[in-house]
Amino acid sequence: MSELVDKGLKAKRESKYVDFKRSFNPASAGKWCELIKDIIAMANSGGGVILIGLDNGGVPSKEDVQPVLNIDHATLVDKIRKYTGYQFSDIEIHEAKKKGEQIAVFEISGVKVPIVFQNVGTYEVSHRKQKTAFSCGTVYFRHGAKSEPGTTEDIRKAIERQLETIRSEWLDGVRKIVTAPQGSKVTVFSGEVKESKSPGATPIRLVDDPDAPGYRLIDHDTTYPHRQTELVDVVNGMLPEGVEINTYDILAVRRTNGIDGDARYCHTPKFGSPQYSDAFAKWIVEEHKKKSNFFQEAREKYYVQTHSDS
C-alpha cells in the first residue's frame, strides 16, 4: 500500500489529495462524469486518491464497492479518453480495508501538462433536466476538497511543480559530483548523447547497482521514452502475430515483477507519471518468448495481490 493510500484511509476529512465517496454506481452516466472530473482535477494538481465506500467524515458507509473493484482498467481509461481526448492510464484501482469494511481506492498519478476536457460532461438528473459536470475547454484542479475550474494560479503552480522536478534532478547531479569519493573521474561528453552504431561512439551503460560507477542521463525522456500507453503500442509491434496486450497487462507485469523500482526499465518523476525504457519493452517480449502464458500469469498474480486483505 502506498503512503498516499495509507494517508487517505487515515484521513477524517477530504482535502486537495483525498476525496471520499459514499458509493459509486458504474451504470450511472452522471456518476461517471463526476468521478472523471475529480480524477482529472487530481491528476492536474499533482495526484491523489479517491476512496469509495466512505462518508464525508471518512467513516465506512458499508455500501457494496465490489462493482467498482470489478471495473476493468481499460474501460476506465477509455471513459477518460472519451471526454479528454487523452489516454490517461496512470491510475490504479485498489481494494483496501477500513474498520473491517471493504473500500475501493482510485490512486491517481500527477501529470506534467494539465489535461483539458475536450467534450462536455452533461447528464440527465430528472425528466427534461440536465446537469453539466464540466464544459468543453475547461481545465479542472483541486481547490481544497473541491474540483473546480482552474485559475492562473493553478497553471503557475503546475509549471512550478515541473520546474522543481528539473531543479531537483540538476542538483542531484551536482551533489553526486561534489560528494564523489577521492579518485573518481568525471567524463565530459561532447554534444547530445544519442544511440549510435558508429565504431567511434562513446559507450555508456545503465546499471541497477547503486555502488557501481555508471552514467545517468539527465534527460529521462531520452532514456525512458515511453509512457504506459506508448509502451503498449511498442510491445504489441514486437509481439508475434495474434498476441496483443493492453495497459492492464503492463500494470500487472509491473506490479508482479517489481519493475517500478528497477532503474534499467522505469523512471518515476517526482511530479509525473512513470516512464519506461526500450529495454523494458524488449524484456517483456523475451519473457513472453520463454513462457507463452506470461501475461495471463501476471494478471492472475496481480489479481491475488490486489484482492488480498490489506
C-alpha atoms as a PDB file:
ATOM      1  CA  MET A   1       0.000   0.000   0.000  1.00  0.00           C
ATOM      2  CA  SER A   2       1.402   3.401  -0.976  1.00  0.00           C
ATOM      3  CA  GLU A   3       1.937   6.217   1.502  1.00  0.00           C
ATOM      4  CA  LEU A   4      -0.796   8.270  -0.185  1.00  0.00           C
ATOM      5  CA  VAL A   5      -3.376   5.454   0.067  1.00  0.00           C
ATOM      6  CA  ASP A   6      -2.465   4.936   3.725  1.00  0.00           C
ATOM      7  CA  LYS A   7      -2.874   8.674   4.334  1.00  0.00           C
ATOM      8  CA  GLY A   8      -6.283   8.612   2.652  1.00  0.00           C
ATOM      9  CA  LEU A   9      -7.510   5.725   4.796  1.00  0.00           C
ATOM     10  CA  LYS A  10      -6.445   7.552   7.957  1.00  0.00           C
ATOM     11  CA  ALA A  11      -7.941  10.908   6.887  1.00  0.00           C
ATOM     12  CA  LYS A  12     -11.045  12.191   8.674  1.00  0.00           C
ATOM     13  CA  ARG A  13     -11.882  14.828   6.090  1.00  0.00           C
ATOM     14  CA  GLU A  14     -11.402  15.471   2.394  1.00  0.00           C
ATOM     15  CA  SER A  15      -8.518  17.552   1.083  1.00  0.00           C
ATOM     16  CA  LYS A  16      -6.682  18.519  -2.093  1.00  0.00           C
ATOM     17  CA  TYR A  17      -5.265  14.999  -2.340  1.00  0.00           C
ATOM     18  CA  VAL A  18      -8.052  12.944  -0.733  1.00  0.00           C
ATOM     19  CA  ASP A  19     -11.696  12.579  -1.796  1.00  0.00           C
ATOM     20  CA  PHE A  20     -14.426  10.404  -0.227  1.00  0.00           C
ATOM     21  CA  LYS A  21     -17.470   8.971  -1.976  1.00  0.00           C
ATOM     22  CA  ARG A  22     -20.155   7.036  -0.102  1.00  0.00           C
ATOM     23  CA  SER A  23     -20.821   4.849  -3.146  1.00  0.00           C
ATOM     24  CA  PHE A  24     -20.388   4.661  -6.902  1.00  0.00           C
ATOM     25  CA  ASN A  25     -22.693   3.120  -9.479  1.00  0.00           C
ATOM     26  CA  PRO A  26     -20.772   2.137 -12.649  1.00  0.00           C
ATOM     27  CA  ALA A  27     -24.074   2.008 -14.544  1.00  0.00           C
ATOM     28  CA  SER A  28     -24.766   5.731 -13.967  1.00  0.00           C
ATOM     29  CA  ALA A  29     -23.559   8.168 -16.637  1.00  0.00           C
ATOM     30  CA  GLY A  30     -23.822  11.038 -14.171  1.00  0.00           C
ATOM     31  CA  LYS A  31     -21.696   9.294 -11.559  1.00  0.00           C
ATOM     32  CA  TRP A  32     -19.048   8.641 -14.223  1.00  0.00           C
ATOM     33  CA  CYS A  33     -18.941  12.314 -15.240  1.00  0.00           C
ATOM     34  CA  GLU A  34     -18.487  13.477 -11.661  1.00  0.00           C
ATOM     35  CA  LEU A  35     -15.836  10.818 -10.948  1.00  0.00           C
ATOM     36  CA  ILE A  36     -13.868  11.664 -14.094  1.00  0.00           C
ATOM     37  CA  LYS A  37     -13.965  15.362 -13.163  1.00  0.00           C
ATOM     38  CA  ASP A  38     -12.388  14.525  -9.780  1.00  0.00           C
ATOM     39  CA  ILE A  39      -9.814  12.183 -11.342  1.00  0.00           C
ATOM     40  CA  ILE A  40      -8.639  14.807 -13.837  1.00  0.00           C
ATOM     41  CA  ALA A  41      -8.623  17.562 -11.214  1.00  0.00           C
ATOM     42  CA  MET A  42      -6.378  15.428  -9.001  1.00  0.00           C
ATOM     43  CA  ALA A  43      -4.063  14.472 -11.859  1.00  0.00           C
ATOM     44  CA  ASN A  44      -3.708  18.162 -12.787  1.00  0.00           C
ATOM     45  CA  SER A  45      -2.994  19.031  -9.141  1.00  0.00           C
ATOM     46  CA  GLY A  46      -0.164  16.534  -8.696  1.00  0.00           C
ATOM     47  CA  GLY A  47      -2.055  13.319  -7.891  1.00  0.00           C
ATOM     48  CA  GLY A  48      -4.247  11.946  -5.117  1.00  0.00           C
ATOM     49  CA  VAL A  49      -6.672   9.222  -4.034  1.00  0.00           C
ATOM     50  CA  ILE A  50     -10.431   8.798  -4.278  1.00  0.00           C
ATOM     51  CA  LEU A  51     -11.871   6.355  -1.743  1.00  0.00           C
ATOM     52  CA  ILE A  52     -15.234   4.758  -2.498  1.00  0.00           C
ATOM     53  CA  GLY A  53     -17.174   3.475   0.498  1.00  0.00           C
ATOM     54  CA  LEU A  54     -16.507   6.303   2.970  1.00  0.00           C
ATOM     55  CA  ASP A  55     -18.789   9.131   4.058  1.00  0.00           C
ATOM     56  CA  ASN A  56     -17.697  12.785   4.322  1.00  0.00           C
ATOM     57  CA  GLY A  57     -16.038  12.093   7.673  1.00  0.00           C
ATOM     58  CA  GLY A  58     -14.007   9.154   6.415  1.00  0.00           C
ATOM     59  CA  VAL A  59     -16.254   6.611   8.148  1.00  0.00           C
ATOM     60  CA  PRO A  60     -17.141   3.399   6.229  1.00  0.00           C
ATOM     61  CA  SER A  61     -20.568   3.729   4.609  1.00  0.00           C
ATOM     62  CA  LYS A  62     -20.909  -0.084   4.322  1.00  0.00           C
ATOM     63  CA  GLU A  63     -22.009   0.295   0.687  1.00  0.00           C
ATOM     64  CA  ASP A  64     -21.134  -2.518  -1.735  1.00  0.00           C
ATOM     65  CA  VAL A  65     -17.958  -1.457  -3.599  1.00  0.00           C
ATOM     66  CA  GLN A  66     -17.332  -4.760  -5.398  1.00  0.00           C
ATOM     67  CA  PRO A  67     -18.776  -3.387  -8.695  1.00  0.00           C
ATOM     68  CA  VAL A  68     -16.145  -0.634  -8.504  1.00  0.00           C
ATOM     69  CA  LEU A  69     -13.346  -3.141  -7.931  1.00  0.00           C
ATOM     70  CA  ASN A  70     -14.607  -5.108 -10.928  1.00  0.00           C
ATOM     71  CA  ILE A  71     -14.113  -2.138 -13.294  1.00  0.00           C
ATOM     72  CA  ASP A  72     -11.601  -3.076 -15.977  1.00  0.00           C
ATOM     73  CA  HIS A  73      -8.634  -0.717 -16.198  1.00  0.00           C
ATOM     74  CA  ALA A  74      -9.033  -0.432 -19.974  1.00  0.00           C
ATOM     75  CA  THR A  75     -12.686   0.600 -19.543  1.00  0.00           C
ATOM     76  CA  LEU A  76     -11.681   3.340 -17.097  1.00  0.00           C
ATOM     77  CA  VAL A  77      -9.012   4.664 -19.489  1.00  0.00           C
ATOM     78  CA  ASP A  78     -11.470   4.660 -22.400  1.00  0.00           C
ATOM     79  CA  LYS A  79     -14.066   6.633 -20.437  1.00  0.00           C
ATOM     80  CA  ILE A  80     -11.494   9.287 -19.533  1.00  0.00           C
ATOM     81  CA  ARG A  81     -10.340   9.499 -23.141  1.00  0.00           C
ATOM     82  CA  LYS A  82     -13.952   9.960 -24.298  1.00  0.00           C
ATOM     83  CA  TYR A  83     -14.096  13.338 -22.557  1.00  0.00           C
ATOM     84  CA  THR A  84     -10.467  14.458 -22.701  1.00  0.00           C
ATOM     85  CA  GLY A  85      -9.135  13.003 -25.939  1.00  0.00           C
ATOM     86  CA  TYR A  86      -6.128  11.924 -23.845  1.00  0.00           C
ATOM     87  CA  GLN A  87      -5.314   8.350 -22.851  1.00  0.00           C
ATOM     88  CA  PHE A  88      -4.566   8.867 -19.185  1.00  0.00           C
ATOM     89  CA  SER A  89      -3.641   5.435 -17.846  1.00  0.00           C
ATOM     90  CA  ASP A  90      -1.630   6.311 -14.735  1.00  0.00           C
ATOM     91  CA  ILE A  91      -4.479   5.448 -12.404  1.00  0.00           C
ATOM     92  CA  GLU A  92      -4.935   2.245 -10.435  1.00  0.00           C
ATOM     93  CA  ILE A  93      -7.854   0.680  -8.566  1.00  0.00           C
ATOM     94  CA  HIS A  94      -7.025  -0.995  -5.245  1.00  0.00           C
ATOM     95  CA  GLU A  95      -9.005  -2.878  -2.646  1.00  0.00           C
ATOM     96  CA  ALA A  96      -8.454  -1.737   0.942  1.00  0.00           C
ATOM     97  CA  LYS A  97      -9.986  -2.252   4.372  1.00  0.00           C
ATOM     98  CA  LYS A  98     -11.057   0.276   6.989  1.00  0.00           C
ATOM     99  CA  LYS A  99     -12.539  -0.892  10.266  1.00  0.00           C
ATOM    100  CA  GLY A 100     -13.102  -4.265   8.634  1.00  0.00           C
ATOM    101  CA  GLU A 101     -15.150  -2.805   5.762  1.00  0.00           C
ATOM    102  CA  GLN A 102     -14.196  -3.145   2.097  1.00  0.00           C
ATOM    103  CA  ILE A 103     -13.086   0.086   0.391  1.00  0.00           C
ATOM    104  CA  ALA A 104     -12.288   0.755  -3.286  1.00  0.00           C
ATOM    105  CA  VAL A 105      -9.413   3.160  -3.901  1.00  0.00           C
ATOM    106  CA  PHE A 106      -8.563   5.068  -7.078  1.00  0.00           C
ATOM    107  CA  GLU A 107      -4.866   6.018  -6.879  1.00  0.00           C
ATOM    108  CA  ILE A 108      -4.102   8.813  -9.351  1.00  0.00           C
ATOM    109  CA  SER A 109      -0.667   9.976 -10.525  1.00  0.00           C
ATOM    110  CA  GLY A 110       0.077  13.599 -11.379  1.00  0.00           C
ATOM    111  CA  VAL A 111       0.634  14.791 -14.955  1.00  0.00           C
ATOM    112  CA  LYS A 112       3.296  17.116 -16.361  1.00  0.00           C
ATOM    113  CA  VAL A 113       0.899  19.044 -18.590  1.00  0.00           C
ATOM    114  CA  PRO A 114      -2.661  19.751 -17.313  1.00  0.00           C
ATOM    115  CA  ILE A 115      -5.390  17.755 -19.066  1.00  0.00           C
ATOM    116  CA  VAL A 116      -8.159  19.758 -20.756  1.00  0.00           C
ATOM    117  CA  PHE A 117     -11.709  18.479 -21.265  1.00  0.00           C
ATOM    118  CA  GLN A 118     -12.440  18.290 -24.990  1.00  0.00           C
ATOM    119  CA  ASN A 119     -16.066  17.193 -24.690  1.00  0.00           C
ATOM    120  CA  VAL A 120     -18.860  18.381 -22.436  1.00  0.00           C
ATOM    121  CA  GLY A 121     -19.862  16.173 -19.498  1.00  0.00           C
ATOM    122  CA  THR A 122     -23.638  16.584 -19.439  1.00  0.00           C
ATOM    123  CA  TYR A 123     -26.053  14.043 -17.989  1.00  0.00           C
ATOM    124  CA  GLU A 124     -29.741  13.784 -17.129  1.00  0.00           C
ATOM    125  CA  VAL A 125     -30.745  14.265 -13.481  1.00  0.00           C
ATOM    126  CA  SER A 126     -34.521  14.141 -13.971  1.00  0.00           C
ATOM    127  CA  HIS A 127     -37.100  14.287 -16.746  1.00  0.00           C
ATOM    128  CA  ARG A 128     -36.083  17.086 -19.159  1.00  0.00           C
ATOM    129  CA  LYS A 129     -33.493  18.381 -16.717  1.00  0.00           C
ATOM    130  CA  GLN A 130     -29.764  18.044 -17.259  1.00  0.00           C
ATOM    131  CA  LYS A 131     -26.633  18.875 -15.314  1.00  0.00           C
ATOM    132  CA  THR A 132     -23.173  19.685 -16.660  1.00  0.00           C
ATOM    133  CA  ALA A 133     -20.217  18.307 -14.689  1.00  0.00           C
ATOM    134  CA  PHE A 134     -17.664  20.048 -16.929  1.00  0.00           C
ATOM    135  CA  SER A 135     -17.628  22.016 -20.179  1.00  0.00           C
ATOM    136  CA  CYS A 136     -15.535  21.721 -23.314  1.00  0.00           C
ATOM    137  CA  GLY A 137     -12.235  23.576 -22.950  1.00  0.00           C
ATOM    138  CA  THR A 138     -12.192  23.623 -19.135  1.00  0.00           C
ATOM    139  CA  VAL A 139      -9.184  22.634 -17.024  1.00  0.00           C
ATOM    140  CA  TYR A 140     -10.013  21.381 -13.530  1.00  0.00           C
ATOM    141  CA  PHE A 141      -7.842  21.486 -10.388  1.00  0.00           C
ATOM    142  CA  ARG A 142      -8.405  20.637  -6.746  1.00  0.00           C
ATOM    143  CA  HIS A 143      -9.225  23.625  -4.541  1.00  0.00           C
ATOM    144  CA  GLY A 144      -9.195  22.145  -1.078  1.00  0.00           C
ATOM    145  CA  ALA A 145     -11.815  19.369  -1.077  1.00  0.00           C
ATOM    146  CA  LYS A 146     -13.469  20.571  -4.318  1.00  0.00           C
ATOM    147  CA  SER A 147     -12.732  20.007  -8.003  1.00  0.00           C
ATOM    148  CA  GLU A 148     -13.160  23.367  -9.745  1.00  0.00           C
ATOM    149  CA  PRO A 149     -12.166  25.142 -12.989  1.00  0.00           C
ATOM    150  CA  GLY A 150      -8.539  26.212 -12.922  1.00  0.00           C
ATOM    151  CA  THR A 151      -7.169  29.692 -12.393  1.00  0.00           C
ATOM    152  CA  THR A 152      -3.979  31.439 -13.458  1.00  0.00           C
ATOM    153  CA  GLU A 153      -2.530  30.500 -10.068  1.00  0.00           C
ATOM    154  CA  ASP A 154      -3.270  26.808 -10.701  1.00  0.00           C
ATOM    155  CA  ILE A 155      -1.398  26.925 -14.018  1.00  0.00           C
ATOM    156  CA  ARG A 156       1.512  28.722 -12.341  1.00  0.00           C
ATOM    157  CA  LYS A 157       1.720  26.021  -9.671  1.00  0.00           C
ATOM    158  CA  ALA A 158       1.637  23.257 -12.307  1.00  0.00           C
ATOM    159  CA  ILE A 159       4.586  24.883 -14.098  1.00  0.00           C
ATOM    160  CA  GLU A 160       6.404  25.314 -10.782  1.00  0.00           C
ATOM    161  CA  ARG A 161       5.992  21.602  -9.980  1.00  0.00           C
ATOM    162  CA  GLN A 162       7.630  20.680 -13.272  1.00  0.00           C
ATOM    163  CA  LEU A 163      10.440  23.213 -12.800  1.00  0.00           C
ATOM    164  CA  GLU A 164      11.069  21.914  -9.285  1.00  0.00           C
ATOM    165  CA  THR A 165      11.467  18.393 -10.691  1.00  0.00           C
ATOM    166  CA  ILE A 166      14.074  19.627 -13.163  1.00  0.00           C
ATOM    167  CA  ARG A 167      15.895  21.624 -10.464  1.00  0.00           C
ATOM    168  CA  SER A 168      15.999  18.584  -8.175  1.00  0.00           C
ATOM    169  CA  GLU A 169      17.476  16.428 -10.930  1.00  0.00           C
ATOM    170  CA  TRP A 170      20.163  19.018 -11.675  1.00  0.00           C
ATOM    171  CA  LEU A 171      21.052  19.482  -8.005  1.00  0.00           C
ATOM    172  CA  ASP A 172      21.175  15.726  -7.542  1.00  0.00           C
ATOM    173  CA  GLY A 173      23.761  15.528 -10.333  1.00  0.00           C
ATOM    174  CA  VAL A 174      25.828  18.339  -8.848  1.00  0.00           C
ATOM    175  CA  ARG A 175      25.636  16.760  -5.382  1.00  0.00           C
ATOM    176  CA  LYS A 176      26.953  13.449  -6.704  1.00  0.00           C
ATOM    177  CA  ILE A 177      29.984  15.170  -8.230  1.00  0.00           C
ATOM    178  CA  VAL A 178      30.729  17.194  -5.096  1.00  0.00           C
ATOM    179  CA  THR A 179      30.425  14.191  -2.772  1.00  0.00           C
ATOM    180  CA  ALA A 180      32.166  11.687  -5.076  1.00  0.00           C
ATOM    181  CA  PRO A 181      34.936   9.699  -3.332  1.00  0.00           C
ATOM    182  CA  GLN A 182      38.576  10.513  -3.935  1.00  0.00           C
ATOM    183  CA  GLY A 183      39.838   9.017  -7.174  1.00  0.00           C
ATOM    184  CA  SER A 184      36.506   9.345  -9.001  1.00  0.00           C
ATOM    185  CA  LYS A 185      36.633  10.560 -12.587  1.00  0.00           C
ATOM    186  CA  VAL A 186      34.284  12.924 -14.362  1.00  0.00           C
ATOM    187  CA  THR A 187      33.809  12.201 -18.063  1.00  0.00           C
ATOM    188  CA  VAL A 188      32.671  15.001 -20.349  1.00  0.00           C
ATOM    189  CA  PHE A 189      30.615  14.046 -23.388  1.00  0.00           C
ATOM    190  CA  SER A 190      30.586  16.428 -26.324  1.00  0.00           C
ATOM    191  CA  GLY A 191      27.204  17.275 -27.816  1.00  0.00           C
ATOM    192  CA  GLU A 192      23.915  15.462 -27.197  1.00  0.00           C
ATOM    193  CA  VAL A 193      24.051  11.781 -26.210  1.00  0.00           C
ATOM    194  CA  LYS A 194      22.255   9.647 -28.778  1.00  0.00           C
ATOM    195  CA  GLU A 195      22.110   5.981 -29.674  1.00  0.00           C
ATOM    196  CA  SER A 196      24.671   5.172 -32.356  1.00  0.00           C
ATOM    197  CA  LYS A 197      26.114   2.119 -34.085  1.00  0.00           C
ATOM    198  CA  SER A 198      29.253   4.005 -35.051  1.00  0.00           C
ATOM    199  CA  PRO A 199      32.502   2.220 -34.008  1.00  0.00           C
ATOM    200  CA  GLY A 200      33.786   5.544 -32.695  1.00  0.00           C
ATOM    201  CA  ALA A 201      30.789   6.217 -30.431  1.00  0.00           C
ATOM    202  CA  THR A 202      31.469   6.509 -26.691  1.00  0.00           C
ATOM    203  CA  PRO A 203      29.855   3.571 -24.865  1.00  0.00           C
ATOM    204  CA  ILE A 204      27.654   4.191 -21.810  1.00  0.00           C
ATOM    205  CA  ARG A 205      25.751   1.809 -19.560  1.00  0.00           C
ATOM    206  CA  LEU A 206      22.751   1.793 -17.255  1.00  0.00           C
ATOM    207  CA  VAL A 207      23.067  -0.194 -14.042  1.00  0.00           C
ATOM    208  CA  ASP A 208      20.839  -1.116 -11.116  1.00  0.00           C
ATOM    209  CA  ASP A 209      23.796  -1.484  -8.690  1.00  0.00           C
ATOM    210  CA  PRO A 210      23.827   1.708  -6.554  1.00  0.00           C
ATOM    211  CA  ASP A 211      27.545   1.198  -5.777  1.00  0.00           C
ATOM    212  CA  ALA A 212      28.654   0.775  -9.381  1.00  0.00           C
ATOM    213  CA  PRO A 213      30.053   3.780 -11.283  1.00  0.00           C
ATOM    214  CA  GLY A 214      27.620   4.404 -14.106  1.00  0.00           C
ATOM    215  CA  TYR A 215      26.376   7.173 -16.348  1.00  0.00           C
ATOM    216  CA  ARG A 216      22.961   8.666 -15.680  1.00  0.00           C
ATOM    217  CA  LEU A 217      21.337  10.694 -18.443  1.00  0.00           C
ATOM    218  CA  ILE A 218      19.588  13.790 -17.046  1.00  0.00           C
ATOM    219  CA  ASP A 219      17.117  13.841 -19.940  1.00  0.00           C
ATOM    220  CA  HIS A 220      14.904  10.963 -18.842  1.00  0.00           C
ATOM    221  CA  ASP A 221      12.694  11.484 -21.885  1.00  0.00           C
ATOM    222  CA  THR A 222      15.582  10.031 -23.931  1.00  0.00           C
ATOM    223  CA  THR A 223      16.495   7.157 -21.605  1.00  0.00           C
ATOM    224  CA  TYR A 224      12.856   6.315 -20.785  1.00  0.00           C
ATOM    225  CA  PRO A 225      10.920   7.470 -23.885  1.00  0.00           C
ATOM    226  CA  HIS A 226       7.643   5.612 -23.309  1.00  0.00           C
ATOM    227  CA  ARG A 227       4.594   6.321 -21.155  1.00  0.00           C
ATOM    228  CA  GLN A 228       2.496   3.265 -20.361  1.00  0.00           C
ATOM    229  CA  THR A 229       0.148   3.741 -23.316  1.00  0.00           C
ATOM    230  CA  GLU A 230       3.028   4.249 -25.758  1.00  0.00           C
ATOM    231  CA  LEU A 231       4.777   1.203 -24.297  1.00  0.00           C
ATOM    232  CA  VAL A 232       1.729  -0.933 -25.107  1.00  0.00           C
ATOM    233  CA  ASP A 233       1.985   0.078 -28.788  1.00  0.00           C
ATOM    234  CA  VAL A 234       5.738  -0.645 -28.882  1.00  0.00           C
ATOM    235  CA  VAL A 235       5.366  -4.081 -27.265  1.00  0.00           C
ATOM    236  CA  ASN A 236       2.413  -5.041 -29.476  1.00  0.00           C
ATOM    237  CA  GLY A 237       4.546  -4.173 -32.507  1.00  0.00           C
ATOM    238  CA  MET A 238       7.220  -6.604 -31.283  1.00  0.00           C
ATOM    239  CA  LEU A 239       4.981  -9.494 -30.192  1.00  0.00           C
ATOM    240  CA  PRO A 240       4.104 -12.364 -32.571  1.00  0.00           C
ATOM    241  CA  GLU A 241       1.004 -12.063 -34.735  1.00  0.00           C
ATOM    242  CA  GLY A 242      -2.142 -12.894 -32.788  1.00  0.00           C
ATOM    243  CA  VAL A 243      -0.733 -11.779 -29.437  1.00  0.00           C
ATOM    244  CA  GLU A 244      -1.865  -8.365 -28.202  1.00  0.00           C
ATOM    245  CA  ILE A 245      -1.772  -6.751 -24.763  1.00  0.00           C
ATOM    246  CA  ASN A 246      -3.359  -3.680 -23.141  1.00  0.00           C
ATOM    247  CA  THR A 247      -2.486  -1.252 -20.353  1.00  0.00           C
ATOM    248  CA  TYR A 248      -3.792  -3.631 -17.688  1.00  0.00           C
ATOM    249  CA  ASP A 249      -1.285  -6.285 -18.810  1.00  0.00           C
ATOM    250  CA  ILE A 250       1.560  -3.761 -18.439  1.00  0.00           C
ATOM    251  CA  LEU A 251       0.257  -2.784 -14.995  1.00  0.00           C
ATOM    252  CA  ALA A 252       0.125  -6.442 -13.916  1.00  0.00           C
ATOM    253  CA  VAL A 253       3.641  -7.122 -15.228  1.00  0.00           C
ATOM    254  CA  ARG A 254       4.978  -4.019 -13.441  1.00  0.00           C
ATOM    255  CA  ARG A 255       3.415  -4.808 -10.086  1.00  0.00           C
ATOM    256  CA  THR A 256       4.281  -8.521 -10.029  1.00  0.00           C
ATOM    257  CA  ASN A 257       7.893  -8.112 -11.195  1.00  0.00           C
ATOM    258  CA  GLY A 258       8.999  -5.045  -9.227  1.00  0.00           C
ATOM    259  CA  ILE A 259       9.573  -3.030 -12.381  1.00  0.00           C
ATOM    260  CA  ASP A 260       8.796   0.388 -10.861  1.00  0.00           C
ATOM    261  CA  GLY A 261      11.893   0.123  -8.671  1.00  0.00           C
ATOM    262  CA  ASP A 262      14.226  -1.072 -11.435  1.00  0.00           C
ATOM    263  CA  ALA A 263      16.251   1.794 -12.938  1.00  0.00           C
ATOM    264  CA  ARG A 264      17.006  -0.251 -16.040  1.00  0.00           C
ATOM    265  CA  TYR A 265      13.348  -0.246 -17.022  1.00  0.00           C
ATOM    266  CA  CYS A 266      11.471   2.540 -15.239  1.00  0.00           C
ATOM    267  CA  HIS A 267      11.834   6.123 -14.038  1.00  0.00           C
ATOM    268  CA  THR A 268       9.152   7.860 -11.956  1.00  0.00           C
ATOM    269  CA  PRO A 269       9.449  11.683 -11.806  1.00  0.00           C
ATOM    270  CA  LYS A 270       8.561  13.423  -8.535  1.00  0.00           C
ATOM    271  CA  PHE A 271       5.600  15.116 -10.253  1.00  0.00           C
ATOM    272  CA  GLY A 272       4.607  12.966 -13.189  1.00  0.00           C
ATOM    273  CA  SER A 273       3.693   9.502 -14.360  1.00  0.00           C
ATOM    274  CA  PRO A 274       6.234   6.658 -14.788  1.00  0.00           C
ATOM    275  CA  GLN A 275       8.302   6.433 -17.978  1.00  0.00           C
ATOM    276  CA  TYR A 276       9.756   3.231 -19.450  1.00  0.00           C
ATOM    277  CA  SER A 277      12.864   2.276 -21.428  1.00  0.00           C
ATOM    278  CA  ASP A 278      13.227   0.359 -24.684  1.00  0.00           C
ATOM    279  CA  ALA A 279      14.993  -2.279 -22.589  1.00  0.00           C
ATOM    280  CA  PHE A 280      11.735  -2.893 -20.679  1.00  0.00           C
ATOM    281  CA  ALA A 281       9.830  -3.458 -23.939  1.00  0.00           C
ATOM    282  CA  LYS A 282      12.480  -5.959 -25.080  1.00  0.00           C
ATOM    283  CA  TRP A 283      12.421  -7.689 -21.684  1.00  0.00           C
ATOM    284  CA  ILE A 284       8.635  -8.145 -21.867  1.00  0.00           C
ATOM    285  CA  VAL A 285       8.861  -9.695 -25.329  1.00  0.00           C
ATOM    286  CA  GLU A 286      11.682 -12.017 -24.223  1.00  0.00           C
ATOM    287  CA  GLU A 287       9.705 -13.152 -21.187  1.00  0.00           C
ATOM    288  CA  HIS A 288       6.743 -13.960 -23.428  1.00  0.00           C
ATOM    289  CA  LYS A 289       9.019 -15.993 -25.685  1.00  0.00           C
ATOM    290  CA  LYS A 290      10.177 -18.016 -22.683  1.00  0.00           C
ATOM    291  CA  LYS A 291       6.645 -18.513 -21.342  1.00  0.00           C
ATOM    292  CA  SER A 292       3.595 -18.224 -23.596  1.00  0.00           C
ATOM    293  CA  ASN A 293       1.256 -17.629 -20.629  1.00  0.00           C
ATOM    294  CA  PHE A 294       3.454 -14.837 -19.226  1.00  0.00           C
ATOM    295  CA  PHE A 295       0.737 -12.170 -19.412  1.00  0.00           C
ATOM    296  CA  GLN A 296      -2.042 -14.407 -18.083  1.00  0.00           C
ATOM    297  CA  GLU A 297       0.165 -15.455 -15.178  1.00  0.00           C
ATOM    298  CA  ALA A 298       0.950 -11.800 -14.385  1.00  0.00           C
ATOM    299  CA  ARG A 299      -2.769 -10.920 -14.427  1.00  0.00           C
ATOM    300  CA  GLU A 300      -3.598 -13.761 -12.050  1.00  0.00           C
ATOM    301  CA  LYS A 301      -0.807 -12.846  -9.617  1.00  0.00           C
ATOM    302  CA  TYR A 302      -1.804  -9.175  -9.686  1.00  0.00           C
ATOM    303  CA  TYR A 303      -5.462 -10.073  -9.035  1.00  0.00           C
ATOM    304  CA  VAL A 304      -4.391 -12.022  -5.949  1.00  0.00           C
ATOM    305  CA  GLN A 305      -2.245  -9.091  -4.754  1.00  0.00           C
ATOM    306  CA  THR A 306      -4.984  -6.501  -5.130  1.00  0.00           C
ATOM    307  CA  HIS A 307      -7.759  -8.636  -3.664  1.00  0.00           C
ATOM    308  CA  SER A 308      -5.937  -9.858  -0.576  1.00  0.00           C
ATOM    309  CA  ASP A 309      -6.698  -8.192   2.757  1.00  0.00           C
ATOM    310  CA  SER A 310      -4.684  -5.058   3.451  1.00  0.00           C
END
